[in-house]
């Protein structure tokens, strides 16, 4: 484990982050909806089914045993992965090799610790189904066109149909680790099953445009988008006054930062990559020691490499803008990594993109969108971002700091019940607003 300390004095600062109850003009402007606390004040309760271990725990144990010596797809430590780096004098930030598809494991663990959980199903308003179907598909179905997870889904179907709360039509929700369209494919047909039509799912991505894909047309569509699991997590037990060691704007000497693999996954992504003349796989400190230009830096991301993940976060801590071009799917885990690093995320032209909690946040207040035709031109990105005035830049960065805590999954204390004060606060609010009848 590595540790980075960013001091409280001198040129470094600790930024104080407001909570929702400390409403300011800035936050009123940033939040689209202000009824979050009203929703949560209902004190609704959810019940977690005690499924057979073959539907969740055994899948994780298989993954850990077979991938335990590799950094890829690590599900250790309740899905959070192993710590790579701690930041701050009190270790307020934990950087971990958290896999982007660890959502099912993380959400289940967070819900088990939640103050909104009830052990009495008769008193529950909504019901959680902790079946790790997506995780099963990742580890068992990767190279098969015939799904090996069908039996798991059929067993889950049998279980739910034996539960009176499900057959009576009580609101149910679950989590899917992979993106929406991949959970209704021939590799993983979960959302094609009847039980899925009667549940709401938490997912890292939702299809937002009509699809010609027959699988998508007939799949379950009740999807709530939640944050991808970031590498970066807060440690509430180590924090005082809700403060974090995040570099200020004047400490960020990298103007535009692009973390990406060298493979061009689409033509537009290639055009963006071509605008970067300086590429590196070195750490920020190594790069700086060579006095190389920092106006635009391309960081070569090597998958499943712990050193890369450590360096990536420290690069983002020193960058003003972090580009988020589409890859295999429109949204990226890196979008949330950049938010958690205080690096303003830059997306490109697709206003139909749906990131987490768009019902509550005005994303234009803490991120930048560049039209595709401008971004495709040589120096188009650089010129566009240089035209942003300092007042706007400071406001974007300040807003980013206000919302970052709600875009991550904090490290839970083993022996304490949690009041939701990270991504779970908005996840529960959306579920309550969607599934609990209005009175």
Protein backbone atom coordinates (compact mmCIF):
# COMPACT_ATOMS: atom_id res chain seq x y z
CA UNK A 1 0.00 0.00 0.00
CA UNK A 2 1.17 3.51 -0.84
CA UNK A 3 0.23 6.67 0.98
CA UNK A 4 0.08 10.24 -0.29
CA UNK A 5 -0.29 13.13 2.14
CA UNK A 6 -1.51 16.47 0.85
CA UNK A 7 -0.89 18.99 3.58
CA UNK A 8 -3.36 21.40 5.11
CA UNK A 9 -1.05 24.38 5.07
CA UNK A 10 1.16 26.14 2.50
CA UNK A 11 0.18 25.89 -1.15
CA UNK A 12 -2.04 22.87 -0.49
CA UNK A 13 -5.55 23.24 0.77
CA UNK A 14 -8.31 21.14 2.20
CA UNK A 15 -11.62 21.89 0.54
CA UNK A 16 -14.67 21.91 2.76
CA UNK A 17 -17.59 20.15 1.13
CA UNK A 18 -21.14 21.14 2.04
CA UNK A 19 -23.81 18.57 2.79
CA UNK A 20 -27.32 18.89 1.42
CA UNK A 21 -28.70 20.32 4.63
CA UNK A 22 -26.36 23.31 4.28
CA UNK A 23 -28.20 24.75 1.29
CA UNK A 24 -26.58 27.72 -0.44
CA UNK A 25 -27.33 29.70 -3.56
CA UNK A 26 -24.68 27.65 -5.32
CA UNK A 27 -26.34 24.37 -4.37
CA UNK A 28 -29.80 25.65 -5.27
CA UNK A 29 -28.39 26.37 -8.71
CA UNK A 30 -26.64 23.02 -8.94
CA UNK A 31 -29.50 20.76 -7.89
CA UNK A 32 -32.44 20.40 -10.25
CA UNK A 33 -34.65 18.90 -7.54
CA UNK A 34 -34.67 20.07 -3.94
CA UNK A 35 -37.08 17.50 -2.48
CA UNK A 36 -34.45 14.84 -1.74
CA UNK A 37 -34.67 15.16 2.03
CA UNK A 38 -38.48 15.19 1.83
CA UNK A 39 -38.38 11.86 0.02
CA UNK A 40 -35.98 10.29 2.51
CA UNK A 41 -37.87 11.71 5.49
CA UNK A 42 -40.62 9.20 4.76
CA UNK A 43 -38.38 6.70 6.59
CA UNK A 44 -39.33 3.97 4.17
CA UNK A 45 -37.91 0.49 4.72
CA UNK A 46 -36.59 -2.18 2.39
CA UNK A 47 -36.22 -5.89 3.01
CA UNK A 48 -33.32 -7.97 1.63
CA UNK A 49 -34.13 -11.53 0.62
CA UNK A 50 -31.86 -14.20 2.07
CA UNK A 51 -31.10 -16.02 -1.16
CA UNK A 52 -29.23 -19.33 -1.33
CA UNK A 53 -25.46 -18.71 -1.40
CA UNK A 54 -25.30 -20.21 -4.91
CA UNK A 55 -26.97 -17.03 -6.17
CA UNK A 56 -24.45 -14.57 -4.73
CA UNK A 57 -21.79 -15.53 -2.16
CA UNK A 58 -20.60 -18.66 -4.00
CA UNK A 59 -20.19 -16.65 -7.22
CA UNK A 60 -17.93 -14.16 -5.46
CA UNK A 61 -15.92 -16.93 -3.82
CA UNK A 62 -15.39 -18.53 -7.22
CA UNK A 63 -14.23 -15.22 -8.67
CA UNK A 64 -11.83 -14.55 -5.80
CA UNK A 65 -10.36 -18.06 -5.91
CA UNK A 66 -9.87 -18.05 -9.67
CA UNK A 67 -8.86 -14.42 -10.10
CA UNK A 68 -7.40 -13.80 -6.66
CA UNK A 69 -3.84 -13.31 -7.91
CA UNK A 70 -4.86 -10.96 -10.69
CA UNK A 71 -5.88 -7.33 -10.54
CA UNK A 72 -8.70 -7.81 -13.05
CA UNK A 73 -12.22 -8.18 -11.77
CA UNK A 74 -11.22 -8.22 -8.13
CA UNK A 75 -14.26 -8.64 -5.89
CA UNK A 76 -12.41 -8.83 -2.60
CA UNK A 77 -13.37 -6.62 0.35
CA UNK A 78 -17.10 -6.54 -0.43
CA UNK A 79 -16.44 -5.65 -4.06
CA UNK A 80 -14.22 -2.67 -3.24
CA UNK A 81 -10.98 -4.50 -4.06
CA UNK A 82 -7.59 -4.05 -2.41
CA UNK A 83 -6.25 -0.67 -1.37
CA UNK A 84 -3.53 0.70 -3.66
CA UNK A 85 -3.06 4.13 -2.17
CA UNK A 86 -4.34 6.24 0.70
CA UNK A 87 -4.54 10.01 0.45
CA UNK A 88 -4.56 12.57 3.22
CA UNK A 89 -3.08 12.95 6.67
CA UNK A 90 -5.92 10.87 8.11
CA UNK A 91 -6.29 8.50 5.14
CA UNK A 92 -9.57 10.18 4.19
CA UNK A 93 -9.42 8.82 0.62
CA UNK A 94 -8.87 5.17 -0.26
CA UNK A 95 -7.80 4.35 -3.83
CA UNK A 96 -8.58 0.72 -4.65
CA UNK A 97 -8.48 -1.62 -7.61
CA UNK A 98 -12.28 -1.53 -7.72
CA UNK A 99 -13.63 -3.19 -10.84
CA UNK A 100 -16.17 -1.25 -12.88
CA UNK A 101 -18.47 -4.30 -12.91
CA UNK A 102 -18.47 -4.88 -9.14
CA UNK A 103 -21.79 -3.10 -8.64
CA UNK A 104 -23.88 -6.08 -7.53
CA UNK A 105 -21.47 -6.94 -4.71
CA UNK A 106 -20.97 -3.33 -3.58
CA UNK A 107 -24.67 -2.39 -3.56
CA UNK A 108 -25.64 -5.55 -1.66
CA UNK A 109 -23.05 -4.83 1.03
CA UNK A 110 -24.07 -1.17 1.33
CA UNK A 111 -27.74 -2.13 1.67
CA UNK A 112 -26.93 -4.68 4.37
CA UNK A 113 -25.44 -1.81 6.39
CA UNK A 114 -28.19 0.70 5.66
CA UNK A 115 -30.36 2.28 8.34
CA UNK A 116 -33.30 1.89 5.94
CA UNK A 117 -33.14 -1.90 6.08
CA UNK A 118 -35.76 -3.89 7.99
CA UNK A 119 -35.56 -7.53 9.02
CA UNK A 120 -39.36 -7.78 9.02
CA UNK A 121 -40.72 -8.28 5.49
CA UNK A 122 -44.24 -7.35 6.57
CA UNK A 123 -43.04 -3.84 7.45
CA UNK A 124 -41.09 -3.35 4.20
CA UNK A 125 -42.12 -0.88 1.51
CA UNK A 126 -39.81 -2.33 -1.14
CA UNK A 127 -37.80 -5.55 -1.53
CA UNK A 128 -34.21 -6.13 -2.66
CA UNK A 129 -33.20 -9.21 -4.64
CA UNK A 130 -29.44 -9.80 -4.14
CA UNK A 131 -28.88 -12.17 -7.06
CA UNK A 132 -25.50 -11.71 -8.74
CA UNK A 133 -26.61 -12.66 -12.24
CA UNK A 134 -24.37 -10.11 -13.99
CA UNK A 135 -21.34 -11.23 -12.00
CA UNK A 136 -22.16 -14.84 -12.89
CA UNK A 137 -22.36 -13.91 -16.56
CA UNK A 138 -18.96 -12.20 -16.42
CA UNK A 139 -17.17 -15.19 -14.94
CA UNK A 140 -19.08 -18.07 -16.52
CA UNK A 141 -20.51 -16.84 -19.85
CA UNK A 142 -17.66 -14.87 -21.38
CA UNK A 143 -16.94 -17.28 -24.22
CA UNK A 144 -20.31 -18.98 -24.62
CA UNK A 145 -23.21 -18.09 -26.90
CA UNK A 146 -25.49 -20.37 -24.89
CA UNK A 147 -25.87 -18.81 -21.48
CA UNK A 148 -24.53 -20.82 -18.55
CA UNK A 149 -26.46 -18.46 -16.29
CA UNK A 150 -29.88 -19.66 -17.46
CA UNK A 151 -30.03 -22.19 -14.65
CA UNK A 152 -29.20 -19.52 -12.09
CA UNK A 153 -31.96 -17.29 -13.48
CA UNK A 154 -34.45 -20.16 -13.47
CA UNK A 155 -33.55 -20.93 -9.84
CA UNK A 156 -34.03 -17.26 -8.99
CA UNK A 157 -37.37 -17.31 -10.78
CA UNK A 158 -38.47 -20.32 -8.75
CA UNK A 159 -37.42 -18.60 -5.54
CA UNK A 160 -39.25 -15.34 -6.27
CA UNK A 161 -42.42 -17.06 -7.39
CA UNK A 162 -42.50 -18.79 -4.00
CA UNK A 163 -42.44 -15.42 -2.20
CA UNK A 164 -45.87 -13.90 -1.50
CA UNK A 165 -44.47 -10.35 -1.59
CA UNK A 166 -43.33 -10.88 -5.18
CA UNK A 167 -46.49 -12.60 -6.39
CA UNK A 168 -48.62 -9.94 -4.70
CA UNK A 169 -46.86 -7.29 -6.79
CA UNK A 170 -44.91 -5.51 -4.05
CA UNK A 171 -42.15 -3.25 -5.47
CA UNK A 172 -38.91 -5.15 -6.01
CA UNK A 173 -35.48 -3.97 -7.10
CA UNK A 174 -32.13 -5.53 -7.84
CA UNK A 175 -28.73 -4.68 -9.35
CA UNK A 176 -27.07 -5.62 -12.64
CA UNK A 177 -23.30 -5.38 -12.89
CA UNK A 178 -23.03 -5.03 -16.66
CA UNK A 179 -24.56 -2.37 -18.88
CA UNK A 180 -28.23 -2.57 -19.86
CA UNK A 181 -27.93 -4.07 -23.33
CA UNK A 182 -25.42 -6.72 -22.25
CA UNK A 183 -27.84 -8.04 -19.65
CA UNK A 184 -30.35 -9.07 -22.30
CA UNK A 185 -27.95 -10.57 -24.85
CA UNK A 186 -27.36 -14.18 -25.82
CA UNK A 187 -24.43 -14.15 -23.38
CA UNK A 188 -26.58 -12.96 -20.48
CA UNK A 189 -30.35 -13.01 -21.11
CA UNK A 190 -31.46 -12.04 -17.59
CA UNK A 191 -33.61 -9.06 -18.61
CA UNK A 192 -35.53 -11.22 -21.06
CA UNK A 193 -36.99 -13.31 -18.25
CA UNK A 194 -40.48 -12.60 -16.91
CA UNK A 195 -39.31 -11.91 -13.35
CA UNK A 196 -37.12 -9.07 -14.64
CA UNK A 197 -40.17 -7.32 -16.08
CA UNK A 198 -41.47 -6.97 -12.52
CA UNK A 199 -38.36 -5.39 -11.02
CA UNK A 200 -36.44 -2.12 -11.16
CA UNK A 201 -32.70 -2.48 -11.67
CA UNK A 202 -29.75 -0.38 -10.60
CA UNK A 203 -27.24 -0.28 -13.46
CA UNK A 204 -24.13 1.64 -14.55
CA UNK A 205 -25.70 2.45 -17.92
CA UNK A 206 -29.11 2.55 -19.56
CA UNK A 207 -29.95 2.51 -23.25
CA UNK A 208 -31.50 5.88 -24.01
CA UNK A 209 -32.42 5.56 -27.69
CA UNK A 210 -34.75 3.07 -29.39
CA UNK A 211 -32.85 0.02 -30.53
CA UNK A 212 -33.33 -2.18 -33.55
CA UNK A 213 -32.00 -5.02 -31.43
CA UNK A 214 -34.86 -7.44 -30.80
CA UNK A 215 -33.35 -8.45 -27.47
CA UNK A 216 -33.44 -4.83 -26.29
CA UNK A 217 -36.99 -4.25 -27.46
CA UNK A 218 -38.35 -7.09 -25.36
CA UNK A 219 -36.08 -6.62 -22.33
CA UNK A 220 -36.95 -5.12 -18.97
CA UNK A 221 -36.70 -1.33 -19.20
CA UNK A 222 -37.06 -0.14 -15.60
CA UNK A 223 -33.43 0.91 -15.09
CA UNK A 224 -32.07 3.47 -12.59
CA UNK A 225 -28.60 4.66 -13.58
CA UNK A 226 -26.15 4.76 -10.67
CA UNK A 227 -22.42 5.61 -10.59
CA UNK A 228 -19.89 3.19 -11.96
CA UNK A 229 -17.75 1.97 -9.04
CA UNK A 230 -14.79 4.36 -9.04
CA UNK A 231 -11.25 3.57 -7.96
CA UNK A 232 -11.72 6.32 -5.39
CA UNK A 233 -13.67 6.00 -2.13
CA UNK A 234 -14.15 8.22 0.90
CA UNK A 235 -13.47 6.83 4.34
CA UNK A 236 -16.06 8.64 6.53
CA UNK A 237 -14.60 7.24 9.74
CA UNK A 238 -11.31 9.03 9.02
CA UNK A 239 -12.87 12.40 8.17
CA UNK A 240 -13.38 15.47 10.32
CA UNK A 241 -15.68 18.36 9.37
CA UNK A 242 -16.55 16.61 6.13
CA UNK A 243 -13.28 17.80 4.57
CA UNK A 244 -11.09 16.17 1.94
CA UNK A 245 -7.54 16.73 0.66
CA UNK A 246 -8.28 17.69 -2.94
CA UNK A 247 -5.82 19.90 -4.91
CA UNK A 248 -7.14 23.34 -5.81
CA UNK A 249 -7.24 24.67 -9.36
CA UNK A 250 -3.95 26.53 -9.02
CA UNK A 251 -2.25 23.26 -8.09
CA UNK A 252 -3.30 21.64 -11.38
CA UNK A 253 -0.69 22.22 -14.07
CA UNK A 254 -2.06 19.68 -16.57
CA UNK A 255 -4.68 21.52 -18.62
CA UNK A 256 -6.20 18.59 -20.59
CA UNK A 257 -5.78 14.96 -19.60
CA UNK A 258 -6.88 11.89 -21.55
CA UNK A 259 -6.57 8.47 -19.91
CA UNK A 260 -7.19 5.74 -22.47
CA UNK A 261 -5.90 2.55 -23.99
CA UNK A 262 -3.94 2.83 -27.23
CA UNK A 263 -6.56 0.94 -29.24
CA UNK A 264 -8.99 3.13 -31.21
CA UNK A 265 -12.44 1.74 -30.47
CA UNK A 266 -14.22 4.08 -32.88
CA UNK A 267 -13.39 6.75 -35.44
CA UNK A 268 -14.29 9.69 -33.22
CA UNK A 269 -12.14 8.42 -30.37
CA UNK A 270 -9.23 8.13 -32.82
CA UNK A 271 -9.64 11.77 -33.88
CA UNK A 272 -9.44 12.85 -30.27
CA UNK A 273 -6.37 10.74 -29.58
CA UNK A 274 -4.60 12.18 -32.62
CA UNK A 275 -4.73 15.66 -31.07
CA UNK A 276 -2.36 14.57 -28.29
CA UNK A 277 1.32 14.89 -29.16
CA UNK A 278 2.60 13.85 -25.74
CA UNK A 279 1.85 10.32 -24.57
CA UNK A 280 3.17 8.62 -21.46
CA UNK A 281 2.74 5.62 -19.20
CA UNK A 282 4.91 7.17 -16.49
CA UNK A 283 3.80 8.63 -13.19
CA UNK A 284 3.05 12.33 -12.89
CA UNK A 285 6.28 12.90 -10.94
CA UNK A 286 8.43 11.04 -13.47
CA UNK A 287 6.88 12.98 -16.32
CA UNK A 288 7.33 16.32 -14.57
CA UNK A 289 10.98 15.59 -13.80
CA UNK A 290 11.62 15.43 -17.55
CA UNK A 291 10.05 18.93 -17.90
CA UNK A 292 7.76 17.75 -20.69
CA UNK A 293 4.74 19.86 -21.79
CA UNK A 294 1.59 19.53 -19.70
CA UNK A 295 -0.93 21.41 -21.82
CA UNK A 296 -2.32 18.16 -23.25
CA UNK A 297 -1.23 14.81 -21.86
CA UNK A 298 -2.32 11.36 -23.04
CA UNK A 299 -1.89 8.71 -20.34
CA UNK A 300 -1.62 5.15 -21.66
CA UNK A 301 -3.92 2.97 -19.58
CA UNK A 302 -2.89 -0.64 -19.15
CA UNK A 303 -5.78 -2.80 -18.01
CA UNK A 304 -5.46 -4.81 -14.82
CA UNK A 305 -2.28 -3.03 -13.76
CA UNK A 306 -2.11 -1.68 -10.22
CA UNK A 307 0.66 0.81 -10.95
CA UNK A 308 -1.39 2.26 -13.80
CA UNK A 309 -4.40 2.69 -11.52
CA UNK A 310 -2.34 4.40 -8.82
CA UNK A 311 -0.74 6.74 -11.32
CA UNK A 312 -4.04 7.47 -13.05
CA UNK A 313 -5.59 8.93 -9.91
CA UNK A 314 -2.54 11.07 -9.15
CA UNK A 315 -2.52 12.39 -12.72
CA UNK A 316 -6.19 13.32 -12.39
CA UNK A 317 -5.42 15.12 -9.14
CA UNK A 318 -3.13 17.43 -11.14
CA UNK A 319 -5.42 17.95 -14.15
CA UNK A 320 -8.01 20.64 -14.86
CA UNK A 321 -10.02 18.83 -17.57
CA UNK A 322 -10.37 15.06 -18.06
CA UNK A 323 -11.70 13.95 -21.45
CA UNK A 324 -14.37 11.26 -21.58
CA UNK A 325 -14.73 10.05 -25.19
CA UNK A 326 -17.04 7.08 -25.78
CA UNK A 327 -15.48 3.64 -26.03
CA UNK A 328 -17.26 0.29 -26.14
CA UNK A 329 -20.30 2.06 -24.69
CA UNK A 330 -21.29 5.75 -24.49
CA UNK A 331 -20.55 6.26 -20.78
CA UNK A 332 -17.30 5.58 -18.93
CA UNK A 333 -16.10 4.63 -15.47
CA UNK A 334 -13.44 7.30 -15.93
CA UNK A 335 -16.18 9.96 -15.79
CA UNK A 336 -16.66 9.15 -12.10
CA UNK A 337 -12.92 8.79 -11.43
CA UNK A 338 -12.41 12.30 -12.76
CA UNK A 339 -15.21 13.72 -10.60
CA UNK A 340 -13.72 12.07 -7.53
CA UNK A 341 -10.34 13.59 -8.39
CA UNK A 342 -11.68 17.12 -8.82
CA UNK A 343 -10.92 17.01 -12.57
CA UNK A 344 -13.71 18.56 -14.65
CA UNK A 345 -15.13 15.84 -16.96
CA UNK A 346 -15.48 16.66 -20.66
CA UNK A 347 -18.02 14.77 -22.77
CA UNK A 348 -18.78 15.11 -26.46
CA UNK A 349 -22.01 16.23 -28.05
CA UNK A 350 -24.36 13.41 -27.10
CA UNK A 351 -26.94 15.18 -24.95
CA UNK A 352 -28.97 11.99 -24.61
CA UNK A 353 -26.27 10.41 -22.42
CA UNK A 354 -27.64 9.48 -19.05
CA UNK A 355 -25.28 9.56 -16.12
CA UNK A 356 -26.22 8.85 -12.52
CA UNK A 357 -28.75 11.10 -10.79
CA UNK A 358 -29.52 13.33 -13.77
CA UNK A 359 -32.92 13.80 -12.14
CA UNK A 360 -31.22 15.74 -9.35
CA UNK A 361 -28.06 17.29 -10.80
CA UNK A 362 -27.62 19.82 -13.58
CA UNK A 363 -24.55 18.27 -15.20
CA UNK A 364 -23.78 21.43 -17.18
CA UNK A 365 -22.87 23.06 -13.85
CA UNK A 366 -19.88 20.76 -13.20
CA UNK A 367 -18.94 19.23 -16.57
CA UNK A 368 -18.33 20.44 -20.13
CA UNK A 369 -19.78 19.10 -23.37
CA UNK A 370 -17.98 19.83 -26.66
CA UNK A 371 -19.88 19.48 -29.97
CA UNK A 372 -18.59 16.54 -31.99
CA UNK A 373 -17.83 18.60 -35.09
CA UNK A 374 -15.63 20.97 -33.07
CA UNK A 375 -13.91 18.19 -31.14
CA UNK A 376 -13.09 16.34 -34.37
CA UNK A 377 -10.96 19.22 -35.69
CA UNK A 378 -7.26 19.48 -34.97
CA UNK A 379 -6.82 21.60 -31.82
CA UNK A 380 -10.60 21.86 -31.60
CA UNK A 381 -10.68 20.55 -28.05
CA UNK A 382 -7.81 22.73 -26.87
CA UNK A 383 -9.25 25.91 -28.37
CA UNK A 384 -12.75 25.20 -27.02
CA UNK A 385 -11.54 24.68 -23.46
CA UNK A 386 -9.14 27.63 -23.59
CA UNK A 387 -12.11 29.87 -24.39
CA UNK A 388 -13.73 29.10 -21.01
CA UNK A 389 -13.22 32.15 -18.79
CA UNK A 390 -11.70 31.83 -15.32
CA UNK A 391 -14.92 32.71 -13.51
CA UNK A 392 -16.77 29.87 -15.25
CA UNK A 393 -13.85 27.51 -14.69
CA UNK A 394 -13.80 28.20 -10.95
CA UNK A 395 -17.55 27.71 -10.75
CA UNK A 396 -17.37 24.36 -12.56
CA UNK A 397 -14.65 23.17 -10.22
CA UNK A 398 -16.44 24.41 -7.11
CA UNK A 399 -19.67 22.67 -8.13
CA UNK A 400 -17.72 19.49 -8.80
CA UNK A 401 -16.43 19.50 -5.26
CA UNK A 402 -19.96 19.86 -3.91
CA UNK A 403 -21.34 16.79 -5.68
CA UNK A 404 -18.38 14.41 -5.65
CA UNK A 405 -19.28 12.64 -2.42
CA UNK A 406 -22.56 11.48 -4.00
CA UNK A 407 -20.81 9.92 -7.01
CA UNK A 408 -18.90 7.32 -5.00
CA UNK A 409 -19.38 4.40 -2.64
CA UNK A 410 -17.76 5.09 0.71
CA UNK A 411 -15.85 2.49 2.70
CA UNK A 412 -18.22 1.12 5.32
CA UNK A 413 -17.40 0.50 8.95
CA UNK A 414 -17.71 -3.19 9.71
CA UNK A 415 -19.65 -2.75 12.93
CA UNK A 416 -21.92 0.22 12.25
CA UNK A 417 -25.25 0.86 10.60
CA UNK A 418 -24.96 3.57 7.93
CA UNK A 419 -27.02 6.64 7.27
CA UNK A 420 -26.84 7.05 3.48
CA UNK A 421 -24.48 9.92 2.74
CA UNK A 422 -22.75 8.87 -0.47
CA UNK A 423 -24.20 7.53 -3.73
CA UNK A 424 -26.62 5.48 -1.67
CA UNK A 425 -28.45 8.64 -0.59
CA UNK A 426 -29.55 9.37 -4.14
CA UNK A 427 -30.05 5.70 -5.02
CA UNK A 428 -32.52 5.29 -2.16
CA UNK A 429 -34.22 8.60 -2.93
CA UNK A 430 -34.81 7.59 -6.57
CA UNK A 431 -36.11 4.19 -5.54
CA UNK A 432 -38.47 5.68 -2.97
CA UNK A 433 -39.75 8.28 -5.43
CA UNK A 434 -40.27 5.68 -8.13
CA UNK A 435 -41.56 2.64 -6.24
CA UNK A 436 -43.43 3.90 -3.17
CA UNK A 437 -46.95 5.15 -3.91
CA UNK A 438 -47.50 8.87 -3.34
CA UNK A 439 -49.84 9.76 -0.50
